[in-house]
Protein backbone atom coordinates (compact mmCIF):
# COMPACT_ATOMS: atom_id res chain seq x y z
CA MET A 1 155.76 186.24 -148.21
CA ALA A 2 156.24 183.49 -150.78
CA VAL A 3 154.19 180.42 -150.37
CA ALA A 4 155.49 177.01 -151.62
CA THR A 5 153.34 175.43 -154.22
CA PRO A 6 153.02 171.68 -154.87
CA ARG A 7 155.10 170.14 -157.67
CA ARG A 8 153.70 167.69 -160.25
CA VAL A 9 156.02 164.68 -160.61
CA GLY A 10 155.02 161.96 -163.08
CA GLY A 11 151.38 162.95 -162.92
CA VAL A 12 151.39 162.87 -159.11
CA VAL A 13 151.07 166.10 -157.06
CA GLU A 14 153.54 166.17 -154.19
CA ALA A 15 152.62 167.88 -150.88
CA ALA A 16 153.89 171.35 -150.38
CA SER A 17 157.28 171.53 -148.76
CA ASP A 18 156.12 174.25 -146.35
CA PRO A 19 155.39 172.59 -142.99
CA SER A 20 152.51 174.89 -142.19
CA LEU A 21 150.82 174.22 -145.52
CA SER A 22 151.43 170.55 -145.10
CA ALA A 23 149.74 170.49 -141.70
CA LEU A 24 146.69 172.17 -143.24
CA THR A 25 146.49 169.62 -145.98
CA GLU A 26 146.75 166.50 -143.75
CA ALA A 27 143.53 164.52 -143.52
CA ARG A 28 143.04 163.60 -139.83
CA LEU A 29 141.15 160.29 -140.41
CA PRO A 30 140.79 157.58 -137.84
CA ARG A 31 142.81 154.54 -138.23
CA VAL A 32 141.17 151.48 -139.71
CA THR A 33 141.05 148.75 -137.14
CA ARG A 34 142.08 145.43 -138.49
CA VAL A 35 139.94 142.54 -137.40
CA LYS A 36 142.18 139.55 -136.74
CA ASN A 37 139.57 137.16 -135.57
CA LYS A 38 136.51 137.08 -137.88
CA SER A 39 134.78 134.14 -136.16
CA PRO A 40 131.42 134.78 -134.48
CA ALA A 41 131.60 136.11 -130.90
CA GLU A 42 130.95 133.62 -128.05
CA VAL A 43 128.06 135.68 -126.89
CA GLN A 44 125.69 136.90 -129.60
CA ILE A 45 123.70 140.03 -128.83
CA THR A 46 120.01 139.63 -129.91
CA ALA A 47 117.74 142.32 -131.17
CA GLU A 48 115.64 141.84 -128.09
CA GLN A 49 118.61 142.42 -125.83
CA ILE A 50 119.45 145.66 -127.57
CA ILE A 51 115.87 146.94 -127.26
CA ARG A 52 115.73 145.91 -123.56
CA GLU A 53 119.06 147.64 -122.80
CA ALA A 54 117.93 150.77 -124.72
CA ARG A 55 114.76 150.94 -122.66
CA GLU A 56 116.69 150.65 -119.45
CA ARG A 57 118.99 153.49 -120.52
CA ARG A 58 116.06 155.62 -121.77
CA GLU A 59 115.57 158.95 -120.09
CA PRO A 60 112.51 159.06 -117.82
CA GLU A 61 109.30 160.33 -119.28
CA HIS A 62 109.41 163.33 -116.95
CA PRO A 63 113.11 164.32 -116.72
CA ARG A 64 114.29 165.87 -113.46
CA GLY A 65 114.97 169.54 -113.35
CA PRO A 66 117.90 171.08 -111.63
CA ALA A 67 118.72 169.82 -108.18
CA ARG A 68 116.64 171.66 -105.61
CA LYS A 69 118.38 172.96 -102.45
CA ILE A 70 116.18 172.36 -99.41
CA ALA A 71 116.85 174.84 -96.63
CA GLY A 72 115.13 173.16 -93.55
CA ALA A 73 112.86 170.58 -92.18
CA ASP A 74 109.67 172.47 -93.17
CA GLU A 75 110.84 172.75 -96.72
CA LEU A 76 111.81 169.10 -96.87
CA ALA A 77 108.44 168.02 -95.54
CA GLU A 78 106.80 170.14 -98.21
CA TYR A 79 108.98 168.69 -100.93
CA ARG A 80 108.20 165.10 -99.76
CA LEU A 81 104.52 165.90 -99.72
CA GLY A 82 104.58 167.16 -103.29
CA GLU A 83 106.52 164.08 -104.44
CA ARG A 84 104.13 161.78 -102.74
CA LYS A 85 101.24 163.36 -104.53
CA LYS A 86 102.92 162.88 -107.80
CA PHE A 87 103.51 159.13 -107.02
CA GLU A 88 99.91 158.70 -105.91
CA ASP A 89 98.67 160.23 -109.19
CA ALA A 90 101.07 157.84 -111.17
CA VAL A 91 99.79 154.68 -109.40
CA ARG A 92 96.22 155.70 -110.00
CA ARG A 93 96.91 156.17 -113.68
CA ALA A 94 98.73 152.85 -113.81
CA ALA A 95 95.90 150.98 -112.15
CA SER A 96 94.16 150.19 -115.46
CA CYS A 97 97.19 148.47 -117.00
CA GLY A 98 98.05 146.35 -113.91
CA SER A 99 101.79 147.05 -114.21
CA PRO A 100 103.56 147.28 -110.85
CA SER A 101 106.40 149.60 -112.12
CA ALA A 102 104.73 152.74 -110.79
CA TRP A 103 104.37 151.16 -107.41
CA VAL A 104 107.99 150.03 -107.33
CA ARG A 105 109.31 153.49 -108.21
CA TYR A 106 107.15 154.85 -105.42
CA ALA A 107 108.40 152.36 -102.87
CA GLU A 108 112.11 152.80 -103.94
CA TRP A 109 111.74 156.59 -103.59
CA GLU A 110 110.49 156.04 -99.96
CA GLU A 111 113.34 153.73 -99.39
CA ARG A 112 115.79 156.43 -100.55
CA GLN A 113 114.05 158.82 -98.04
CA GLY A 114 115.05 156.33 -95.38
CA ASP A 115 111.39 155.66 -94.51
CA LEU A 116 111.30 151.83 -94.46
CA HIS A 117 107.84 151.73 -92.89
CA ARG A 118 106.30 153.81 -95.75
CA ALA A 119 108.19 151.90 -98.38
CA ARG A 120 106.81 148.63 -96.95
CA SER A 121 103.31 150.15 -96.93
CA VAL A 122 103.63 151.04 -100.64
CA TYR A 123 104.57 147.38 -101.42
CA GLU A 124 101.62 146.03 -99.47
CA ARG A 125 99.34 148.49 -101.08
CA ALA A 126 100.67 147.34 -104.50
CA LEU A 127 99.96 143.71 -103.74
CA SER A 128 96.47 144.50 -102.61
CA SER A 129 95.70 146.78 -105.56
CA SER A 130 94.71 143.96 -107.87
CA ALA A 131 94.88 140.21 -108.42
CA ALA A 132 97.12 140.66 -111.33
CA ALA A 133 99.71 142.35 -109.09
CA GLN A 134 99.78 139.39 -106.73
CA ARG A 135 99.96 136.90 -109.50
CA GLY A 136 103.03 138.55 -110.99
CA HIS A 137 106.18 137.37 -109.38
CA THR A 138 108.13 140.53 -110.19
CA LEU A 139 106.54 142.58 -107.43
CA TRP A 140 107.23 139.88 -104.91
CA VAL A 141 110.86 139.73 -105.83
CA ARG A 142 111.31 143.45 -105.55
CA TYR A 143 109.50 143.58 -102.25
CA ALA A 144 111.65 140.80 -100.73
CA GLU A 145 114.91 142.26 -102.13
CA PHE A 146 113.88 145.55 -100.45
CA GLU A 147 113.59 143.78 -97.11
CA MET A 148 116.95 142.05 -97.64
CA ARG A 149 118.73 145.33 -98.46
CA SER A 150 117.20 146.84 -95.35
CA ARG A 151 118.54 143.77 -93.37
CA CYS A 152 114.99 142.93 -92.18
CA VAL A 153 115.47 139.14 -92.54
CA SER A 154 112.27 138.15 -90.76
CA HIS A 155 110.23 140.53 -93.04
CA ALA A 156 112.12 139.15 -96.03
CA ARG A 157 111.30 135.49 -95.01
CA ASN A 158 107.66 136.48 -94.63
CA VAL A 159 107.50 137.95 -98.16
CA TRP A 160 109.13 134.82 -99.61
CA ASN A 161 106.79 132.56 -97.77
CA ARG A 162 103.76 134.34 -98.89
CA ALA A 163 105.17 134.42 -102.47
CA VAL A 164 105.91 130.78 -102.76
CA ALA A 165 102.61 129.84 -101.21
CA LEU A 166 100.68 131.90 -103.80
CA LEU A 167 102.97 131.08 -106.79
CA PRO A 168 104.50 127.62 -106.05
CA ARG A 169 105.10 126.94 -109.68
CA VAL A 170 107.41 129.89 -110.18
CA ASP A 171 110.93 128.41 -109.82
CA GLN A 172 112.60 131.78 -109.61
CA LEU A 173 110.85 132.58 -106.30
CA TRP A 174 112.11 129.33 -104.66
CA LEU A 175 115.56 129.78 -106.03
CA LYS A 176 115.82 133.28 -104.62
CA TYR A 177 114.46 132.19 -101.30
CA VAL A 178 117.04 129.39 -101.07
CA HIS A 179 119.82 131.82 -102.10
CA MET A 180 118.95 134.25 -99.36
CA GLU A 181 119.01 131.52 -96.68
CA GLU A 182 122.29 130.19 -98.08
CA THR A 183 123.83 133.63 -98.10
CA LEU A 184 122.79 134.03 -94.48
CA GLY A 185 124.51 130.77 -93.70
CA ALA A 186 121.19 129.24 -92.66
CA VAL A 187 121.77 125.88 -94.40
CA ALA A 188 119.15 124.03 -92.47
CA ASN A 189 116.57 126.67 -93.46
CA ALA A 190 117.63 126.42 -97.08
CA ARG A 191 117.11 122.62 -96.96
CA GLN A 192 113.63 123.19 -95.59
CA VAL A 193 112.82 125.52 -98.37
CA PHE A 194 114.10 122.96 -100.89
CA ASP A 195 111.94 120.23 -99.34
CA ARG A 196 108.86 122.41 -99.54
CA TRP A 197 109.69 123.13 -103.23
CA MET A 198 110.14 119.48 -104.05
CA ALA A 199 106.72 118.68 -102.65
CA TRP A 200 105.33 120.52 -105.66
CA ARG A 201 107.17 118.18 -107.99
CA PRO A 202 109.13 120.57 -110.00
CA GLY A 203 111.02 119.72 -113.11
CA ALA A 204 114.42 118.04 -113.40
CA ALA A 205 116.40 121.34 -113.03
CA GLY A 206 114.82 121.83 -109.55
CA TRP A 207 115.86 118.45 -108.29
CA SER A 208 119.35 118.76 -109.72
CA THR A 209 119.70 122.16 -107.96
CA TYR A 210 118.83 120.56 -104.66
CA ALA A 211 121.31 117.73 -105.20
CA LYS A 212 124.10 120.19 -106.03
CA PHE A 213 123.25 122.18 -102.95
CA GLU A 214 123.79 119.10 -100.79
CA LEU A 215 127.08 118.33 -102.53
CA ARG A 216 128.33 121.78 -101.84
CA TYR A 217 128.27 121.00 -98.24
CA GLY A 218 129.67 117.47 -98.67
CA GLU A 219 126.31 115.76 -97.95
CA VAL A 220 126.61 112.88 -100.46
CA ASP A 221 124.01 110.79 -98.70
CA HIS A 222 121.55 113.66 -98.68
CA ALA A 223 122.10 114.22 -102.41
CA ARG A 224 121.52 110.49 -102.99
CA ALA A 225 118.32 110.71 -101.09
CA VAL A 226 117.29 113.65 -103.33
CA TYR A 227 117.91 111.63 -106.45
CA GLU A 228 115.95 108.78 -104.97
CA ARG A 229 112.99 110.97 -104.42
CA PHE A 230 113.50 112.38 -107.92
CA VAL A 231 113.23 109.08 -109.64
CA THR A 232 110.26 108.13 -107.46
CA GLU A 233 108.39 111.30 -108.37
CA HIS A 234 109.50 111.24 -112.02
CA PRO A 235 110.07 107.56 -113.07
CA HIS A 236 111.34 108.65 -116.49
CA PRO A 237 114.55 107.62 -118.31
CA GLU A 238 115.96 111.07 -117.93
CA ALA A 239 115.65 110.93 -114.16
CA PHE A 240 117.39 107.58 -113.92
CA ILE A 241 120.23 108.69 -116.25
CA ARG A 242 120.92 111.79 -114.05
CA TYR A 243 121.01 109.47 -110.94
CA ALA A 244 123.32 107.00 -112.60
CA LYS A 245 125.68 109.79 -113.70
CA PHE A 246 125.71 111.12 -110.15
CA GLU A 247 126.73 107.61 -108.78
CA ALA A 248 129.31 107.14 -111.62
CA LYS A 249 131.06 110.46 -110.72
CA ARG A 250 131.41 109.11 -107.16
CA GLY A 251 132.89 105.85 -108.39
CA GLU A 252 129.82 103.82 -107.39
CA VAL A 253 129.69 101.66 -110.50
CA GLU A 254 127.14 99.10 -109.18
CA ARG A 255 124.87 101.84 -107.98
CA ALA A 256 125.16 103.55 -111.42
CA ARG A 257 124.37 100.25 -113.19
CA GLY A 258 121.40 99.67 -110.95
CA GLY A 259 120.11 103.13 -111.68
CA ARG A 260 120.29 102.54 -115.46
CA SER A 261 118.65 99.15 -115.19
CA ARG A 262 115.84 100.62 -113.23
CA GLY A 263 115.35 103.29 -115.82
CA ARG A 264 114.88 100.45 -118.63
CA ARG A 265 112.06 98.69 -116.74
C-alpha cells in the first residue's frame, strides 16, 4: 500500500496528507495556561506551611497492612489486646522525648473502638506521665475536644477547668472553653469563664474579645463595663483609644471624648 510522504514547500515540511500518519505525528502537549492576573495572591503560602502540610499528609511510620477480617468476639478481643500492646510499647518509647502524640494516637484509637472509659483513662495517664505533658496545652485541648465529641459536657468542663487553672496564661485554653459554653447556649457560663480569665489581666486582645462577646448578645452596658475594667487594669493610651472607639461607634461622642482625655492624663 502506498504511503503518503510529506512535501517540502518553501523550506517548510508539510504534514502528510494521510490522516492515519497525521495522527501519529501529532504532539499531544498540554495547553499552556495563560496567567491573566500576575499580582501576588492574597494568601501567601510559606515554606513552614508547606512543610507542615507535608508532614500531616505523610504516611505513618508503620503503614497498615491489608484490612483484617475479624470473625468473632474472641478474635476481636485478641486483635484489641495486640493493638494495645503496640500502643503501650509506643508510649514507653516516647516517654523520653515528652511528646504527647503517642498518647493521643492511643486515646483516639480507644475512642474509635467505642470505649470512652479506656480513652479517658489514656488521657489521664498521659497527663500524669510527666510534668512536661501537663505544661503543654496541646494535650489538654485534645482531651477536652474528645469529651466534647463524646457529648460528655460535664467531663469537658472539668478538663477545661483543670487546664486553665494550671495554665492561666494560655489564651487558647480560655478561648476554647468560652467557645464551648457559647456553642452550648450557656451564655451565663461563658461570661463567668471570661470573668475568671480577665482576673489574670490578659492582653488587649482578651478584653476586646470579651467586649465583642457582650455586644453579640446586645449587652452594650456589659461591654462598657468590660472596657472600664480594661482601662483600670491597663491604664495605657491603647486601652483608652479602644474604649473611645467603642463609644464613638455607638454615637456616644461625649463618652468618647472623655475616654480620650483620660488617656492623655
